[in-house]
N, C-alpha and C. Protein backbone atom coordinates (compact mmCIF):
# COMPACT_ATOMS: atom_id res chain seq x y z
N MET A 1 0.85 -1.17 0.00
CA MET A 1 0.00 0.00 0.00
C MET A 1 0.90 1.24 0.00
N GLU A 2 0.56 2.17 -0.90
CA GLU A 2 1.33 3.40 -0.99
C GLU A 2 0.39 4.60 -0.84
N HIS A 3 0.90 5.64 -0.21
CA HIS A 3 0.13 6.87 -0.04
C HIS A 3 0.67 7.91 -1.00
N GLY A 4 -0.22 8.67 -1.61
CA GLY A 4 0.20 9.70 -2.54
C GLY A 4 -0.78 10.85 -2.57
N VAL A 5 -0.49 11.78 -3.49
CA VAL A 5 -1.33 12.96 -3.67
C VAL A 5 -1.50 13.19 -5.17
N ILE A 6 -2.73 13.48 -5.56
CA ILE A 6 -2.97 13.78 -6.97
C ILE A 6 -2.35 15.13 -7.27
N ASP A 7 -1.39 15.14 -8.17
CA ASP A 7 -0.70 16.37 -8.54
C ASP A 7 -1.50 17.14 -9.58
N ARG A 8 -1.94 16.42 -10.64
CA ARG A 8 -2.66 17.10 -11.72
C ARG A 8 -3.26 16.06 -12.65
N PHE A 9 -4.11 16.55 -13.53
CA PHE A 9 -4.66 15.73 -14.60
C PHE A 9 -4.10 16.25 -15.92
N GLU A 10 -3.70 15.34 -16.77
CA GLU A 10 -3.22 15.68 -18.11
C GLU A 10 -4.02 14.84 -19.09
N GLY A 11 -5.08 15.43 -19.61
CA GLY A 11 -5.95 14.68 -20.51
C GLY A 11 -6.56 13.51 -19.79
N GLU A 12 -6.31 12.32 -20.27
CA GLU A 12 -6.86 11.11 -19.67
C GLU A 12 -5.97 10.51 -18.59
N LEU A 13 -4.88 11.21 -18.24
CA LEU A 13 -3.97 10.70 -17.22
C LEU A 13 -4.12 11.49 -15.92
N ALA A 14 -3.93 10.78 -14.82
CA ALA A 14 -3.83 11.40 -13.51
C ALA A 14 -2.39 11.24 -13.07
N VAL A 15 -1.74 12.33 -12.71
CA VAL A 15 -0.35 12.28 -12.24
C VAL A 15 -0.41 12.31 -10.71
N ILE A 16 0.10 11.25 -10.11
CA ILE A 16 0.06 11.11 -8.65
C ILE A 16 1.48 11.06 -8.13
N GLU A 17 1.75 11.89 -7.11
CA GLU A 17 3.07 11.88 -6.48
C GLU A 17 3.05 10.89 -5.33
N ILE A 18 3.99 9.94 -5.41
CA ILE A 18 4.13 8.91 -4.38
C ILE A 18 5.59 8.88 -3.97
N ALA A 19 5.86 9.19 -2.71
CA ALA A 19 7.22 9.15 -2.16
C ALA A 19 8.20 9.97 -3.01
N GLY A 20 7.77 11.16 -3.43
CA GLY A 20 8.64 12.06 -4.16
C GLY A 20 8.78 11.77 -5.64
N THR A 21 8.09 10.77 -6.14
CA THR A 21 8.14 10.39 -7.54
C THR A 21 6.74 10.47 -8.13
N THR A 22 6.64 10.93 -9.37
CA THR A 22 5.32 10.99 -9.99
C THR A 22 5.06 9.72 -10.80
N CYS A 23 3.82 9.26 -10.73
CA CYS A 23 3.38 8.07 -11.44
C CYS A 23 2.09 8.42 -12.19
N ASP A 24 1.95 7.89 -13.38
CA ASP A 24 0.76 8.14 -14.19
C ASP A 24 -0.24 6.99 -14.03
N PHE A 25 -1.49 7.37 -13.86
CA PHE A 25 -2.60 6.42 -13.80
C PHE A 25 -3.66 6.88 -14.77
N ARG A 26 -4.44 5.96 -15.28
CA ARG A 26 -5.57 6.37 -16.12
C ARG A 26 -6.57 7.11 -15.24
N ARG A 27 -7.00 8.25 -15.72
CA ARG A 27 -7.95 9.06 -14.96
C ARG A 27 -9.22 8.26 -14.68
N SER A 28 -9.59 7.41 -15.60
CA SER A 28 -10.80 6.61 -15.44
C SER A 28 -10.67 5.58 -14.32
N ASP A 29 -9.44 5.31 -13.85
CA ASP A 29 -9.23 4.36 -12.74
C ASP A 29 -9.37 5.03 -11.37
N LEU A 30 -9.55 6.34 -11.36
CA LEU A 30 -9.74 7.07 -10.10
C LEU A 30 -11.23 7.29 -9.87
N PRO A 31 -11.61 7.49 -8.61
CA PRO A 31 -13.01 7.84 -8.35
C PRO A 31 -13.37 9.13 -9.10
N SER A 32 -14.60 9.23 -9.56
CA SER A 32 -15.02 10.37 -10.38
C SER A 32 -14.89 11.71 -9.66
N GLU A 33 -14.96 11.71 -8.34
CA GLU A 33 -14.90 12.96 -7.58
C GLU A 33 -13.46 13.39 -7.26
N ALA A 34 -12.47 12.62 -7.68
CA ALA A 34 -11.07 12.93 -7.40
C ALA A 34 -10.66 14.24 -8.04
N LYS A 35 -9.83 15.01 -7.30
CA LYS A 35 -9.35 16.29 -7.82
C LYS A 35 -7.90 16.50 -7.37
N PRO A 36 -7.18 17.39 -8.07
CA PRO A 36 -5.80 17.67 -7.67
C PRO A 36 -5.73 18.10 -6.20
N GLY A 37 -4.74 17.60 -5.50
CA GLY A 37 -4.55 17.91 -4.09
C GLY A 37 -5.12 16.85 -3.17
N ASP A 38 -5.97 15.97 -3.70
CA ASP A 38 -6.54 14.91 -2.87
C ASP A 38 -5.48 13.88 -2.52
N ALA A 39 -5.52 13.42 -1.27
CA ALA A 39 -4.66 12.32 -0.85
C ALA A 39 -5.31 11.02 -1.33
N VAL A 40 -4.46 10.08 -1.72
CA VAL A 40 -4.96 8.79 -2.21
C VAL A 40 -4.14 7.66 -1.62
N VAL A 41 -4.72 6.48 -1.68
CA VAL A 41 -4.03 5.25 -1.32
C VAL A 41 -4.05 4.38 -2.57
N VAL A 42 -2.88 3.86 -2.94
CA VAL A 42 -2.77 2.98 -4.10
C VAL A 42 -2.39 1.60 -3.58
N GLU A 43 -3.23 0.62 -3.89
CA GLU A 43 -2.96 -0.74 -3.43
C GLU A 43 -3.32 -1.70 -4.55
N ASN A 44 -2.34 -2.47 -4.97
CA ASN A 44 -2.53 -3.43 -6.06
C ASN A 44 -3.09 -2.75 -7.31
N GLY A 45 -2.61 -1.54 -7.60
CA GLY A 45 -3.04 -0.82 -8.79
C GLY A 45 -4.39 -0.14 -8.67
N ILE A 46 -5.03 -0.26 -7.53
CA ILE A 46 -6.34 0.37 -7.31
C ILE A 46 -6.13 1.64 -6.52
N VAL A 47 -6.68 2.74 -7.03
CA VAL A 47 -6.54 4.05 -6.39
C VAL A 47 -7.85 4.39 -5.68
N ARG A 48 -7.74 4.71 -4.40
CA ARG A 48 -8.93 5.17 -3.67
C ARG A 48 -8.59 6.45 -2.93
N LEU A 49 -9.59 7.27 -2.74
CA LEU A 49 -9.39 8.53 -2.03
C LEU A 49 -9.15 8.28 -0.56
N ASP A 50 -8.30 9.10 0.03
CA ASP A 50 -8.01 9.06 1.46
C ASP A 50 -8.56 10.36 2.05
N GLU A 51 -9.84 10.34 2.40
CA GLU A 51 -10.50 11.56 2.87
C GLU A 51 -9.83 12.11 4.12
N ARG A 52 -9.43 11.25 5.01
CA ARG A 52 -8.76 11.71 6.24
C ARG A 52 -7.43 12.37 5.90
N GLY A 53 -6.66 11.75 5.00
CA GLY A 53 -5.38 12.31 4.58
C GLY A 53 -5.55 13.65 3.89
N THR A 54 -6.60 13.77 3.08
CA THR A 54 -6.87 15.03 2.39
C THR A 54 -7.19 16.13 3.41
N GLN A 55 -8.00 15.81 4.40
CA GLN A 55 -8.36 16.80 5.42
C GLN A 55 -7.14 17.19 6.24
N GLU A 56 -6.28 16.24 6.57
CA GLU A 56 -5.07 16.55 7.32
C GLU A 56 -4.15 17.48 6.51
N ARG A 57 -4.02 17.22 5.21
CA ARG A 57 -3.21 18.10 4.35
C ARG A 57 -3.80 19.50 4.33
N LYS A 58 -5.12 19.59 4.20
CA LYS A 58 -5.78 20.91 4.17
C LYS A 58 -5.53 21.64 5.49
N ASN A 59 -5.66 20.95 6.60
CA ASN A 59 -5.43 21.58 7.90
C ASN A 59 -3.99 22.07 8.03
N ASP A 60 -3.03 21.25 7.58
CA ASP A 60 -1.62 21.64 7.63
C ASP A 60 -1.36 22.90 6.78
N ILE A 61 -1.93 22.92 5.59
CA ILE A 61 -1.75 24.08 4.70
C ILE A 61 -2.38 25.32 5.32
N ASP A 62 -3.58 25.19 5.88
CA ASP A 62 -4.24 26.33 6.52
C ASP A 62 -3.41 26.87 7.67
N ARG A 63 -2.83 25.94 8.48
CA ARG A 63 -2.01 26.36 9.62
C ARG A 63 -0.76 27.11 9.12
N LEU A 64 -0.12 26.57 8.09
CA LEU A 64 1.07 27.22 7.55
C LEU A 64 0.76 28.60 6.99
N MET A 65 -0.38 28.72 6.32
CA MET A 65 -0.78 30.01 5.75
C MET A 65 -1.05 31.01 6.89
N ASP A 66 -1.69 30.54 7.95
CA ASP A 66 -1.94 31.42 9.10
C ASP A 66 -0.62 31.91 9.70
N GLU A 67 0.35 31.01 9.85
CA GLU A 67 1.65 31.38 10.40
C GLU A 67 2.37 32.36 9.48
N LEU A 68 2.26 32.16 8.20
CA LEU A 68 2.93 33.01 7.23
C LEU A 68 2.41 34.44 7.29
N PHE A 69 1.12 34.60 7.46
CA PHE A 69 0.52 35.92 7.41
C PHE A 69 0.25 36.53 8.78
N GLU A 70 0.83 35.98 9.83
CA GLU A 70 0.68 36.58 11.17
C GLU A 70 1.46 37.86 11.28
């Protein structure tokens, strides 16, 4: 099982960053609601959204932005 983040979509491809490396997946293999910035779990070639991971990333980014603009 690997954890990653959707970096971007390029046509029919989804570019996912996993452990500092980008990997391409067919966009159709991701859940339809997937968007750039979402955390994902990849296991046996199956990509699923990690809602908890996505929320944790959002919270971290919000905290960093608050610190930056204090």
